[in-house]
Amino acid sequence: MKIYETGNFRIEEKSAVAIGNFDGIHLGHQELIKTVLSYREKYGYKAVIFSFDPHPVDLFGRVNDFRTIFSVEEKKIAAEKTGVDILIQYPFDLSFASLSPEEFVDFLHSSTNCRVLVVGENYFFGKDRAGNIDTLRELGEKRGIKVIGIPRVKVDGTRVSSTRIRGLIKEGNMEYAAMLLNKPYFAMGKVVKGYERGRGMNFPTVNIEPPQKKLLPPDGVYFSTVIIDGKEYYGMSNIGKNPTFDGERRKIETNIFDFDKDVYGKDIIITFYKKIRGEIKFESREKLITQLKRDKRECIFCENSLDVLKFKL
């Protein structure tokens, strides 16, 4: 998969382009992507995702302390797994946001050589969101571009959206989030040195700092898997500041089951399948160890029984 992260690019081959923020690349986004892939299969067009960085909501400050489902690097991982040829993470700024609908379509046409544009049926674009799908169809027809609007995807009668999924993650409902994402929720980071307290309690951990602007589930213990060098391992992860030891920084610490290798400095992926409990400040190290043993037993039970393990990254 080729990646463009600049405003200065041009795709020479004819393309089919799916446009949107694609935060999470959830079930709704996947319908757009399936459509561009079908045009690659039928006509040989390049299959393209056109996305933005930063997220427009973040740029305009519409939500306090806005957090994304994916970091920039995580979106690249998820996009590549869809099978598209090209991911565009266009630098979104006030200048680009001020383009009129016609200017925006002209830019897309000249930079992507698109013959097909695929959007959600409720798509708005251009300065002050002045353009909608009818505008896009009218402008596309003049330029030889077929515009396809994809109906909203619903689960349990409610529309699948990045906003809905963020709400589930904030609640710690990782199983339902995985259903709407069609994959487990995950975080990617580089393994950093910790205090090695876990090793002294026979629960050694790998530690990563959360990506900036990344939405994390609530502090607590989660049944998780860890992907290292393409291989997946079961484990349990703690998100939080480790209050038993008066920690100050929020991080992710993961005890990987049946694993004892040096992975410092490696980029790893941690998936969160189920919340086991909230974070607790224990009165003593011994009580923490007792609880960790209980947590591990519950995680092993999840390993053997959790239905959402069918979702894989």
C-alpha atoms as a PDB file:
ATOM      1  CA  MET A   1       0.000   0.000   0.000  1.00  0.00           C
ATOM      2  CA  LYS A   2       1.326   3.421  -0.988  1.00  0.00           C
ATOM      3  CA  ILE A   3       0.848   6.250   1.497  1.00  0.00           C
ATOM      4  CA  TYR A   4       0.674   9.974   0.777  1.00  0.00           C
ATOM      5  CA  GLU A   5       0.944  12.369   3.719  1.00  0.00           C
ATOM      6  CA  THR A   6       1.481  15.555   1.743  1.00  0.00           C
ATOM      7  CA  GLY A   7      -0.638  17.932  -0.295  1.00  0.00           C
ATOM      8  CA  ASN A   8       1.773  17.590  -3.208  1.00  0.00           C
ATOM      9  CA  PHE A   9       0.918  14.324  -4.965  1.00  0.00           C
ATOM     10  CA  ARG A  10      -0.752  13.007  -8.080  1.00  0.00           C
ATOM     11  CA  ILE A  11      -2.100   9.563  -8.932  1.00  0.00           C
ATOM     12  CA  GLU A  12      -1.518   8.920 -12.626  1.00  0.00           C
ATOM     13  CA  GLU A  13      -3.707   5.805 -12.964  1.00  0.00           C
ATOM     14  CA  LYS A  14      -7.503   5.992 -12.989  1.00  0.00           C
ATOM     15  CA  SER A  15      -8.849   5.544  -9.487  1.00  0.00           C
ATOM     16  CA  ALA A  16     -11.891   4.862  -7.351  1.00  0.00           C
ATOM     17  CA  VAL A  17     -11.735   6.979  -4.194  1.00  0.00           C
ATOM     18  CA  ALA A  18     -13.524   6.576  -0.860  1.00  0.00           C
ATOM     19  CA  ILE A  19     -13.620   9.880   1.046  1.00  0.00           C
ATOM     20  CA  GLY A  20     -14.015  10.393   4.794  1.00  0.00           C
ATOM     21  CA  ASN A  21     -12.233  10.654   8.115  1.00  0.00           C
ATOM     22  CA  PHE A  22     -12.106   6.849   8.464  1.00  0.00           C
ATOM     23  CA  ASP A  23     -11.413   7.052  12.183  1.00  0.00           C
ATOM     24  CA  GLY A  24     -11.676   3.407  13.218  1.00  0.00           C
ATOM     25  CA  ILE A  25     -12.315   2.052   9.701  1.00  0.00           C
ATOM     26  CA  HIS A  26     -15.508   0.551  11.155  1.00  0.00           C
ATOM     27  CA  LEU A  27     -18.320  -1.427   9.495  1.00  0.00           C
ATOM     28  CA  GLY A  28     -19.712   1.711   7.830  1.00  0.00           C
ATOM     29  CA  HIS A  29     -16.330   2.731   6.437  1.00  0.00           C
ATOM     30  CA  GLN A  30     -15.751  -0.815   5.247  1.00  0.00           C
ATOM     31  CA  GLU A  31     -18.797  -0.607   2.972  1.00  0.00           C
ATOM     32  CA  LEU A  32     -17.226   2.386   1.198  1.00  0.00           C
ATOM     33  CA  ILE A  33     -13.945   0.516   0.886  1.00  0.00           C
ATOM     34  CA  LYS A  34     -15.621  -2.620  -0.506  1.00  0.00           C
ATOM     35  CA  THR A  35     -17.140  -0.452  -3.237  1.00  0.00           C
ATOM     36  CA  VAL A  36     -13.808   1.031  -4.388  1.00  0.00           C
ATOM     37  CA  LEU A  37     -12.283  -2.456  -4.307  1.00  0.00           C
ATOM     38  CA  SER A  38     -15.093  -3.691  -6.568  1.00  0.00           C
ATOM     39  CA  TYR A  39     -14.174  -1.013  -9.143  1.00  0.00           C
ATOM     40  CA  ARG A  40     -10.565  -2.156  -9.015  1.00  0.00           C
ATOM     41  CA  GLU A  41     -11.729  -5.694  -9.722  1.00  0.00           C
ATOM     42  CA  LYS A  42     -14.060  -4.661 -12.578  1.00  0.00           C
ATOM     43  CA  TYR A  43     -12.051  -1.908 -14.268  1.00  0.00           C
ATOM     44  CA  GLY A  44      -8.535  -2.019 -12.842  1.00  0.00           C
ATOM     45  CA  TYR A  45      -8.893   1.324 -11.064  1.00  0.00           C
ATOM     46  CA  LYS A  46      -6.585   2.072  -8.153  1.00  0.00           C
ATOM     47  CA  ALA A  47      -8.477   1.616  -4.873  1.00  0.00           C
ATOM     48  CA  VAL A  48      -7.916   4.733  -2.756  1.00  0.00           C
ATOM     49  CA  ILE A  49      -8.837   5.916   0.740  1.00  0.00           C
ATOM     50  CA  PHE A  50      -8.773   9.716   0.997  1.00  0.00           C
ATOM     51  CA  SER A  51      -8.587  10.721   4.649  1.00  0.00           C
ATOM     52  CA  PHE A  52      -7.385  13.676   6.704  1.00  0.00           C
ATOM     53  CA  ASP A  53      -4.879  14.481   9.422  1.00  0.00           C
ATOM     54  CA  PRO A  54      -5.561  16.064  11.822  1.00  0.00           C
ATOM     55  CA  HIS A  55      -9.207  15.138  12.243  1.00  0.00           C
ATOM     56  CA  PRO A  56     -11.371  18.172  11.307  1.00  0.00           C
ATOM     57  CA  VAL A  57     -13.098  18.073  14.706  1.00  0.00           C
ATOM     58  CA  ASP A  58      -9.700  18.444  16.361  1.00  0.00           C
ATOM     59  CA  LEU A  59      -8.662  21.302  14.068  1.00  0.00           C
ATOM     60  CA  PHE A  60     -11.787  23.332  14.733  1.00  0.00           C
ATOM     61  CA  GLY A  61     -11.904  22.520  18.453  1.00  0.00           C
ATOM     62  CA  ARG A  62     -15.550  21.472  18.351  1.00  0.00           C
ATOM     63  CA  VAL A  63     -15.039  18.937  21.155  1.00  0.00           C
ATOM     64  CA  ASN A  64     -12.978  19.544  24.278  1.00  0.00           C
ATOM     65  CA  ASP A  65      -9.995  17.193  24.585  1.00  0.00           C
ATOM     66  CA  PHE A  66     -10.990  15.368  21.389  1.00  0.00           C
ATOM     67  CA  ARG A  67      -9.447  11.897  21.056  1.00  0.00           C
ATOM     68  CA  THR A  68      -9.297   9.697  17.965  1.00  0.00           C
ATOM     69  CA  ILE A  69      -9.931   5.959  17.728  1.00  0.00           C
ATOM     70  CA  PHE A  70      -6.763   5.589  15.659  1.00  0.00           C
ATOM     71  CA  SER A  71      -3.444   7.337  15.780  1.00  0.00           C
ATOM     72  CA  VAL A  72      -1.936   8.177  12.391  1.00  0.00           C
ATOM     73  CA  GLU A  73       0.225   5.028  12.452  1.00  0.00           C
ATOM     74  CA  GLU A  74      -2.662   2.819  13.587  1.00  0.00           C
ATOM     75  CA  LYS A  75      -4.817   4.017  10.691  1.00  0.00           C
ATOM     76  CA  LYS A  76      -2.070   2.946   8.297  1.00  0.00           C
ATOM     77  CA  ILE A  77      -2.101  -0.575   9.767  1.00  0.00           C
ATOM     78  CA  ALA A  78      -5.887  -0.920   9.554  1.00  0.00           C
ATOM     79  CA  ALA A  79      -6.043   0.585   6.057  1.00  0.00           C
ATOM     80  CA  GLU A  80      -3.437  -1.794   4.693  1.00  0.00           C
ATOM     81  CA  LYS A  81      -5.401  -4.769   5.975  1.00  0.00           C
ATOM     82  CA  THR A  82      -8.411  -3.684   3.856  1.00  0.00           C
ATOM     83  CA  GLY A  83      -6.420  -4.327   0.681  1.00  0.00           C
ATOM     84  CA  VAL A  84      -6.556  -0.823  -0.825  1.00  0.00           C
ATOM     85  CA  ASP A  85      -3.729   0.370  -3.047  1.00  0.00           C
ATOM     86  CA  ILE A  86      -3.317   3.895  -1.700  1.00  0.00           C
ATOM     87  CA  LEU A  87      -3.983   5.710   1.586  1.00  0.00           C
ATOM     88  CA  ILE A  88      -4.000   9.501   1.503  1.00  0.00           C
ATOM     89  CA  GLN A  89      -3.716  11.229   4.886  1.00  0.00           C
ATOM     90  CA  TYR A  90      -4.158  14.749   3.594  1.00  0.00           C
ATOM     91  CA  PRO A  91      -2.812  17.595   5.783  1.00  0.00           C
ATOM     92  CA  PHE A  92      -6.064  19.219   6.861  1.00  0.00           C
ATOM     93  CA  ASP A  93      -5.739  22.915   7.653  1.00  0.00           C
ATOM     94  CA  LEU A  94      -7.843  26.080   7.533  1.00  0.00           C
ATOM     95  CA  SER A  95      -6.780  26.798   3.967  1.00  0.00           C
ATOM     96  CA  PHE A  96      -7.965  23.406   2.749  1.00  0.00           C
ATOM     97  CA  ALA A  97     -11.144  23.686   4.827  1.00  0.00           C
ATOM     98  CA  SER A  98     -11.958  26.997   3.078  1.00  0.00           C
ATOM     99  CA  LEU A  99     -12.149  25.429  -0.398  1.00  0.00           C
ATOM    100  CA  SER A 100     -15.546  25.787  -2.044  1.00  0.00           C
ATOM    101  CA  PRO A 101     -17.322  22.562  -3.065  1.00  0.00           C
ATOM    102  CA  GLU A 102     -16.297  23.129  -6.685  1.00  0.00           C
ATOM    103  CA  GLU A 103     -12.668  23.794  -5.751  1.00  0.00           C
ATOM    104  CA  PHE A 104     -12.629  20.667  -3.619  1.00  0.00           C
ATOM    105  CA  VAL A 105     -13.909  18.445  -6.447  1.00  0.00           C
ATOM    106  CA  ASP A 106     -11.451  20.022  -8.894  1.00  0.00           C
ATOM    107  CA  PHE A 107      -8.637  19.235  -6.470  1.00  0.00           C
ATOM    108  CA  LEU A 108      -9.767  15.622  -6.077  1.00  0.00           C
ATOM    109  CA  HIS A 109     -10.108  15.203  -9.830  1.00  0.00           C
ATOM    110  CA  SER A 110      -6.667  16.588 -10.627  1.00  0.00           C
ATOM    111  CA  SER A 111      -4.769  14.909  -7.769  1.00  0.00           C
ATOM    112  CA  THR A 112      -6.353  11.443  -7.733  1.00  0.00           C
ATOM    113  CA  ASN A 113      -7.449  11.053 -11.385  1.00  0.00           C
ATOM    114  CA  CYS A 114     -10.681   9.660  -9.953  1.00  0.00           C
ATOM    115  CA  ARG A 115     -13.388   8.125 -12.087  1.00  0.00           C
ATOM    116  CA  VAL A 116     -15.454   7.072  -9.066  1.00  0.00           C
ATOM    117  CA  LEU A 117     -16.030   8.836  -5.742  1.00  0.00           C
ATOM    118  CA  VAL A 118     -17.607   6.867  -2.904  1.00  0.00           C
ATOM    119  CA  VAL A 119     -19.053   8.661   0.138  1.00  0.00           C
ATOM    120  CA  GLY A 120     -21.621   8.122   2.864  1.00  0.00           C
ATOM    121  CA  GLU A 121     -25.100   9.229   1.856  1.00  0.00           C
ATOM    122  CA  ASN A 122     -25.010  11.997   4.493  1.00  0.00           C
ATOM    123  CA  TYR A 123     -21.695  13.408   3.253  1.00  0.00           C
ATOM    124  CA  PHE A 124     -21.039  17.163   3.473  1.00  0.00           C
ATOM    125  CA  PHE A 125     -17.972  18.956   2.144  1.00  0.00           C
ATOM    126  CA  GLY A 126     -16.453  22.299   1.238  1.00  0.00           C
ATOM    127  CA  LYS A 127     -16.379  25.573   3.131  1.00  0.00           C
ATOM    128  CA  ASP A 128     -19.076  25.727   5.834  1.00  0.00           C
ATOM    129  CA  ARG A 129     -20.153  22.205   4.725  1.00  0.00           C
ATOM    130  CA  ALA A 130     -21.929  23.853   1.808  1.00  0.00           C
ATOM    131  CA  GLY A 131     -21.850  20.786  -0.429  1.00  0.00           C
ATOM    132  CA  ASN A 132     -23.822  17.556   0.001  1.00  0.00           C
ATOM    133  CA  ILE A 133     -24.090  14.375  -2.029  1.00  0.00           C
ATOM    134  CA  ASP A 134     -26.400  16.021  -4.578  1.00  0.00           C
ATOM    135  CA  THR A 135     -23.830  18.788  -5.060  1.00  0.00           C
ATOM    136  CA  LEU A 136     -21.128  16.158  -5.432  1.00  0.00           C
ATOM    137  CA  ARG A 137     -23.113  14.249  -8.062  1.00  0.00           C
ATOM    138  CA  GLU A 138     -23.742  17.428 -10.048  1.00  0.00           C
ATOM    139  CA  LEU A 139     -20.093  18.500  -9.942  1.00  0.00           C
ATOM    140  CA  GLY A 140     -18.910  14.951 -10.622  1.00  0.00           C
ATOM    141  CA  GLU A 141     -21.109  14.536 -13.691  1.00  0.00           C
ATOM    142  CA  LYS A 142     -19.521  17.619 -15.293  1.00  0.00           C
ATOM    143  CA  ARG A 143     -16.076  16.074 -14.804  1.00  0.00           C
ATOM    144  CA  GLY A 144     -16.843  12.510 -15.802  1.00  0.00           C
ATOM    145  CA  ILE A 145     -16.874  11.223 -12.211  1.00  0.00           C
ATOM    146  CA  LYS A 146     -19.414   8.683 -10.999  1.00  0.00           C
ATOM    147  CA  VAL A 147     -20.535   9.479  -7.442  1.00  0.00           C
ATOM    148  CA  ILE A 148     -21.843   6.663  -5.231  1.00  0.00           C
ATOM    149  CA  GLY A 149     -23.584   7.294  -1.913  1.00  0.00           C
ATOM    150  CA  ILE A 150     -23.475   4.388   0.539  1.00  0.00           C
ATOM    151  CA  PRO A 151     -26.440   4.043   2.940  1.00  0.00           C
ATOM    152  CA  ARG A 152     -25.780   4.128   6.660  1.00  0.00           C
ATOM    153  CA  VAL A 153     -24.883   0.805   8.217  1.00  0.00           C
ATOM    154  CA  LYS A 154     -26.958  -0.053  11.275  1.00  0.00           C
ATOM    155  CA  VAL A 155     -26.462  -2.571  14.076  1.00  0.00           C
ATOM    156  CA  ASP A 156     -29.294  -3.187  16.524  1.00  0.00           C
ATOM    157  CA  GLY A 157     -31.236  -0.436  14.768  1.00  0.00           C
ATOM    158  CA  THR A 158     -28.621   2.255  15.464  1.00  0.00           C
ATOM    159  CA  ARG A 159     -26.200   3.765  12.949  1.00  0.00           C
ATOM    160  CA  VAL A 160     -22.597   2.637  13.168  1.00  0.00           C
ATOM    161  CA  SER A 161     -20.422   5.720  13.586  1.00  0.00           C
ATOM    162  CA  SER A 162     -17.053   6.717  14.990  1.00  0.00           C
ATOM    163  CA  THR A 163     -18.875   8.803  17.603  1.00  0.00           C
ATOM    164  CA  ARG A 164     -20.866   5.792  18.772  1.00  0.00           C
ATOM    165  CA  ILE A 165     -17.724   3.667  18.962  1.00  0.00           C
ATOM    166  CA  ARG A 166     -15.884   6.334  20.957  1.00  0.00           C
ATOM    167  CA  GLY A 167     -18.744   6.230  23.443  1.00  0.00           C
ATOM    168  CA  LEU A 168     -18.418   2.461  23.808  1.00  0.00           C
ATOM    169  CA  ILE A 169     -14.658   2.718  24.336  1.00  0.00           C
ATOM    170  CA  LYS A 170     -15.153   5.394  26.994  1.00  0.00           C
ATOM    171  CA  GLU A 171     -17.547   2.992  28.762  1.00  0.00           C
ATOM    172  CA  GLY A 172     -15.059   0.116  28.535  1.00  0.00           C
ATOM    173  CA  ASN A 173     -17.477  -1.920  26.414  1.00  0.00           C
ATOM    174  CA  MET A 174     -14.749  -3.496  24.309  1.00  0.00           C
ATOM    175  CA  GLU A 175     -16.827  -6.428  23.061  1.00  0.00           C
ATOM    176  CA  TYR A 176     -19.474  -4.243  21.439  1.00  0.00           C
ATOM    177  CA  ALA A 177     -16.821  -1.868  20.112  1.00  0.00           C
ATOM    178  CA  ALA A 178     -15.135  -4.847  18.429  1.00  0.00           C
ATOM    179  CA  MET A 179     -18.424  -5.810  16.781  1.00  0.00           C
ATOM    180  CA  LEU A 180     -18.838  -2.351  15.233  1.00  0.00           C
ATOM    181  CA  LEU A 181     -15.170  -2.071  14.285  1.00  0.00           C
ATOM    182  CA  ASN A 182     -15.113  -5.634  12.925  1.00  0.00           C
ATOM    183  CA  LYS A 183     -11.811  -6.013  14.774  1.00  0.00           C
ATOM    184  CA  PRO A 184     -10.574  -5.635  18.341  1.00  0.00           C
ATOM    185  CA  TYR A 185      -9.750  -2.166  19.601  1.00  0.00           C
ATOM    186  CA  PHE A 186      -5.997  -1.751  19.712  1.00  0.00           C
ATOM    187  CA  ALA A 187      -3.130   0.554  20.611  1.00  0.00           C
ATOM    188  CA  MET A 188       0.304   0.603  19.044  1.00  0.00           C
ATOM    189  CA  GLY A 189       3.466   1.808  20.756  1.00  0.00           C
ATOM    190  CA  LYS A 190       7.133   1.275  21.390  1.00  0.00           C
ATOM    191  CA  VAL A 191       8.120  -0.818  24.417  1.00  0.00           C
ATOM    192  CA  VAL A 192       9.761   1.412  27.026  1.00  0.00           C
ATOM    193  CA  LYS A 193      11.579   0.703  30.272  1.00  0.00           C
ATOM    194  CA  GLY A 194       9.417   0.499  33.388  1.00  0.00           C
ATOM    195  CA  TYR A 195      10.224   0.142  37.079  1.00  0.00           C
ATOM    196  CA  GLU A 196      10.238  -3.678  36.794  1.00  0.00           C
ATOM    197  CA  ARG A 197       7.933  -4.008  39.827  1.00  0.00           C
ATOM    198  CA  GLY A 198       5.865  -6.594  37.940  1.00  0.00           C
ATOM    199  CA  ARG A 199       8.883  -8.815  37.449  1.00  0.00           C
ATOM    200  CA  GLY A 200       9.500  -8.796  41.194  1.00  0.00           C
ATOM    201  CA  MET A 201       5.905 -10.000  41.733  1.00  0.00           C
ATOM    202  CA  ASN A 202       6.212 -12.722  39.064  1.00  0.00           C
ATOM    203  CA  PHE A 203       4.036 -10.657  36.697  1.00  0.00           C
ATOM    204  CA  PRO A 204       6.568  -9.066  34.329  1.00  0.00           C
ATOM    205  CA  THR A 205       5.103  -6.497  31.952  1.00  0.00           C
ATOM    206  CA  VAL A 206       5.856  -4.799  28.666  1.00  0.00           C
ATOM    207  CA  ASN A 207       5.053  -1.103  28.854  1.00  0.00           C
ATOM    208  CA  ILE A 208       4.039   1.372  26.162  1.00  0.00           C
ATOM    209  CA  GLU A 209       3.202   5.061  26.317  1.00  0.00           C
ATOM    210  CA  PRO A 210      -0.212   5.770  24.759  1.00  0.00           C
ATOM    211  CA  PRO A 211      -0.045   7.554  21.384  1.00  0.00           C
ATOM    212  CA  GLN A 212      -0.826  11.275  21.566  1.00  0.00           C
ATOM    213  CA  LYS A 213      -4.504  12.153  21.046  1.00  0.00           C
ATOM    214  CA  LYS A 214      -5.376   8.436  21.262  1.00  0.00           C
ATOM    215  CA  LEU A 215      -8.634   7.513  22.990  1.00  0.00           C
ATOM    216  CA  LEU A 216      -7.997   4.865  25.622  1.00  0.00           C
ATOM    217  CA  PRO A 217     -10.560   2.778  27.508  1.00  0.00           C
ATOM    218  CA  PRO A 218     -11.130   3.615  31.207  1.00  0.00           C
ATOM    219  CA  ASP A 219      -8.349   2.815  33.650  1.00  0.00           C
ATOM    220  CA  GLY A 220      -8.414  -0.818  34.684  1.00  0.00           C
ATOM    221  CA  VAL A 221      -7.420  -4.363  33.777  1.00  0.00           C
ATOM    222  CA  TYR A 222      -8.270  -5.884  30.383  1.00  0.00           C
ATOM    223  CA  PHE A 223      -8.013  -9.278  28.784  1.00  0.00           C
ATOM    224  CA  SER A 224      -5.787  -8.529  25.820  1.00  0.00           C
ATOM    225  CA  THR A 225      -3.538  -9.915  23.160  1.00  0.00           C
ATOM    226  CA  VAL A 226      -0.139  -8.616  22.146  1.00  0.00           C
ATOM    227  CA  ILE A 227       1.220  -8.728  18.606  1.00  0.00           C
ATOM    228  CA  ILE A 228       5.021  -8.796  18.448  1.00  0.00           C
ATOM    229  CA  ASP A 229       6.852  -9.326  15.146  1.00  0.00           C
ATOM    230  CA  GLY A 230       3.608 -10.565  13.601  1.00  0.00           C
ATOM    231  CA  LYS A 231       2.949 -13.199  16.291  1.00  0.00           C
ATOM    232  CA  GLU A 232       0.020 -12.915  18.721  1.00  0.00           C
ATOM    233  CA  TYR A 233       0.149 -13.755  22.435  1.00  0.00           C
ATOM    234  CA  TYR A 234      -2.537 -13.709  25.131  1.00  0.00           C
ATOM    235  CA  GLY A 235      -2.131 -11.503  28.167  1.00  0.00           C
ATOM    236  CA  MET A 236      -3.683  -9.010  30.558  1.00  0.00           C
ATOM    237  CA  SER A 237      -3.183  -5.263  30.363  1.00  0.00           C
ATOM    238  CA  ASN A 238      -3.503  -2.497  32.907  1.00  0.00           C
ATOM    239  CA  ILE A 239      -4.321   1.017  31.760  1.00  0.00           C
ATOM    240  CA  GLY A 240      -3.683   3.738  34.303  1.00  0.00           C
ATOM    241  CA  LYS A 241      -1.202   5.347  36.660  1.00  0.00           C
ATOM    242  CA  ASN A 242      -0.570   2.377  38.967  1.00  0.00           C
ATOM    243  CA  PRO A 243      -1.976   4.051  42.108  1.00  0.00           C
ATOM    244  CA  THR A 244      -0.691   1.344  44.474  1.00  0.00           C
ATOM    245  CA  PHE A 245       2.803   2.701  43.797  1.00  0.00           C
ATOM    246  CA  ASP A 246       1.685   6.351  43.480  1.00  0.00           C
ATOM    247  CA  GLY A 247       2.332   6.515  39.746  1.00  0.00           C
ATOM    248  CA  GLU A 248       1.853   9.827  37.953  1.00  0.00           C
ATOM    249  CA  ARG A 249       1.830   8.971  34.239  1.00  0.00           C
ATOM    250  CA  ARG A 250      -0.911   7.077  32.431  1.00  0.00           C
ATOM    251  CA  LYS A 251       0.470   4.098  30.541  1.00  0.00           C
ATOM    252  CA  ILE A 252      -0.332   0.610  29.334  1.00  0.00           C
ATOM    253  CA  GLU A 253       1.364  -2.305  31.114  1.00  0.00           C
ATOM    254  CA  THR A 254       0.821  -5.818  29.788  1.00  0.00           C
ATOM    255  CA  ASN A 255       1.682  -9.166  31.324  1.00  0.00           C
ATOM    256  CA  ILE A 256       2.110 -11.546  28.390  1.00  0.00           C
ATOM    257  CA  PHE A 257       1.279 -15.159  29.237  1.00  0.00           C
ATOM    258  CA  ASP A 258       4.032 -17.739  28.681  1.00  0.00           C
ATOM    259  CA  PHE A 259       6.452 -15.145  27.326  1.00  0.00           C
ATOM    260  CA  ASP A 260       9.880 -14.079  28.539  1.00  0.00           C
ATOM    261  CA  LYS A 261      11.779 -12.280  25.776  1.00  0.00           C
ATOM    262  CA  ASP A 262      13.500  -8.910  25.690  1.00  0.00           C
ATOM    263  CA  VAL A 263      11.366  -6.651  23.480  1.00  0.00           C
ATOM    264  CA  TYR A 264      12.560  -3.211  24.610  1.00  0.00           C
ATOM    265  CA  GLY A 265      12.436  -0.732  21.744  1.00  0.00           C
ATOM    266  CA  LYS A 266      10.120  -2.854  19.596  1.00  0.00           C
ATOM    267  CA  ASP A 267       6.844  -1.534  18.207  1.00  0.00           C
ATOM    268  CA  ILE A 268       4.035  -3.757  19.464  1.00  0.00           C
ATOM    269  CA  ILE A 269       0.251  -3.828  19.173  1.00  0.00           C
ATOM    270  CA  ILE A 270      -2.023  -4.422  22.167  1.00  0.00           C
ATOM    271  CA  THR A 271      -5.645  -5.384  21.552  1.00  0.00           C
ATOM    272  CA  PHE A 272      -8.320  -4.957  24.232  1.00  0.00           C
ATOM    273  CA  TYR A 273     -11.023  -7.637  24.171  1.00  0.00           C
ATOM    274  CA  LYS A 274     -12.731  -7.352  27.564  1.00  0.00           C
ATOM    275  CA  LYS A 275     -12.590  -5.196  30.671  1.00  0.00           C
ATOM    276  CA  ILE A 276     -11.941  -7.327  33.764  1.00  0.00           C
ATOM    277  CA  ARG A 277     -12.120  -4.650  36.478  1.00  0.00           C
ATOM    278  CA  GLY A 278     -11.379  -1.009  37.228  1.00  0.00           C
ATOM    279  CA  GLU A 279      -8.037   0.197  38.534  1.00  0.00           C
ATOM    280  CA  ILE A 280      -7.663  -0.154  42.306  1.00  0.00           C
ATOM    281  CA  LYS A 281      -5.200   1.233  44.839  1.00  0.00           C
ATOM    282  CA  PHE A 282      -4.221  -1.717  47.034  1.00  0.00           C
ATOM    283  CA  GLU A 283      -3.155  -1.447  50.666  1.00  0.00           C
ATOM    284  CA  SER A 284      -0.148  -3.695  50.142  1.00  0.00           C
ATOM    285  CA  ARG A 285       1.971  -5.395  47.523  1.00  0.00           C
ATOM    286  CA  GLU A 286       0.702  -8.775  48.738  1.00  0.00           C
ATOM    287  CA  LYS A 287      -2.952  -7.841  48.176  1.00  0.00           C
ATOM    288  CA  LEU A 288      -2.068  -6.625  44.673  1.00  0.00           C
ATOM    289  CA  ILE A 289      -0.400  -9.968  43.891  1.00  0.00           C
ATOM    290  CA  THR A 290      -3.469 -11.870  45.134  1.00  0.00           C
ATOM    291  CA  GLN A 291      -5.704  -9.785  42.873  1.00  0.00           C
ATOM    292  CA  LEU A 292      -3.384 -10.201  39.893  1.00  0.00           C
ATOM    293  CA  LYS A 293      -3.651 -13.980  40.263  1.00  0.00           C
ATOM    294  CA  ARG A 294      -7.457 -13.670  40.199  1.00  0.00           C
ATOM    295  CA  ASP A 295      -7.264 -11.397  37.155  1.00  0.00           C
ATOM    296  CA  LYS A 296      -5.078 -13.872  35.308  1.00  0.00           C
ATOM    297  CA  ARG A 297      -7.493 -16.731  36.019  1.00  0.00           C
ATOM    298  CA  GLU A 298     -10.349 -14.659  34.632  1.00  0.00           C
ATOM    299  CA  CYS A 299      -8.318 -13.764  31.556  1.00  0.00           C
ATOM    300  CA  ILE A 300      -7.507 -17.420  30.939  1.00  0.00           C
ATOM    301  CA  PHE A 301     -11.233 -18.170  31.176  1.00  0.00           C
ATOM    302  CA  CYS A 302     -11.814 -15.430  28.544  1.00  0.00           C
ATOM    303  CA  GLU A 303      -9.128 -16.996  26.368  1.00  0.00           C
ATOM    304  CA  ASN A 304     -11.148 -20.210  26.291  1.00  0.00           C
ATOM    305  CA  SER A 305     -14.661 -18.790  26.105  1.00  0.00           C
ATOM    306  CA  LEU A 306     -14.851 -15.212  24.791  1.00  0.00           C
ATOM    307  CA  ASP A 307     -16.885 -15.077  21.595  1.00  0.00           C
ATOM    308  CA  VAL A 308     -15.366 -11.808  20.305  1.00  0.00           C
ATOM    309  CA  LEU A 309     -11.967 -13.518  19.905  1.00  0.00           C
ATOM    310  CA  LYS A 310     -13.260 -14.307  16.385  1.00  0.00           C
ATOM    311  CA  PHE A 311     -12.463 -10.665  15.561  1.00  0.00           C
ATOM    312  CA  LYS A 312      -8.843 -10.365  14.496  1.00  0.00           C
ATOM    313  CA  LEU A 313      -6.751  -7.378  13.563  1.00  0.00           C
END
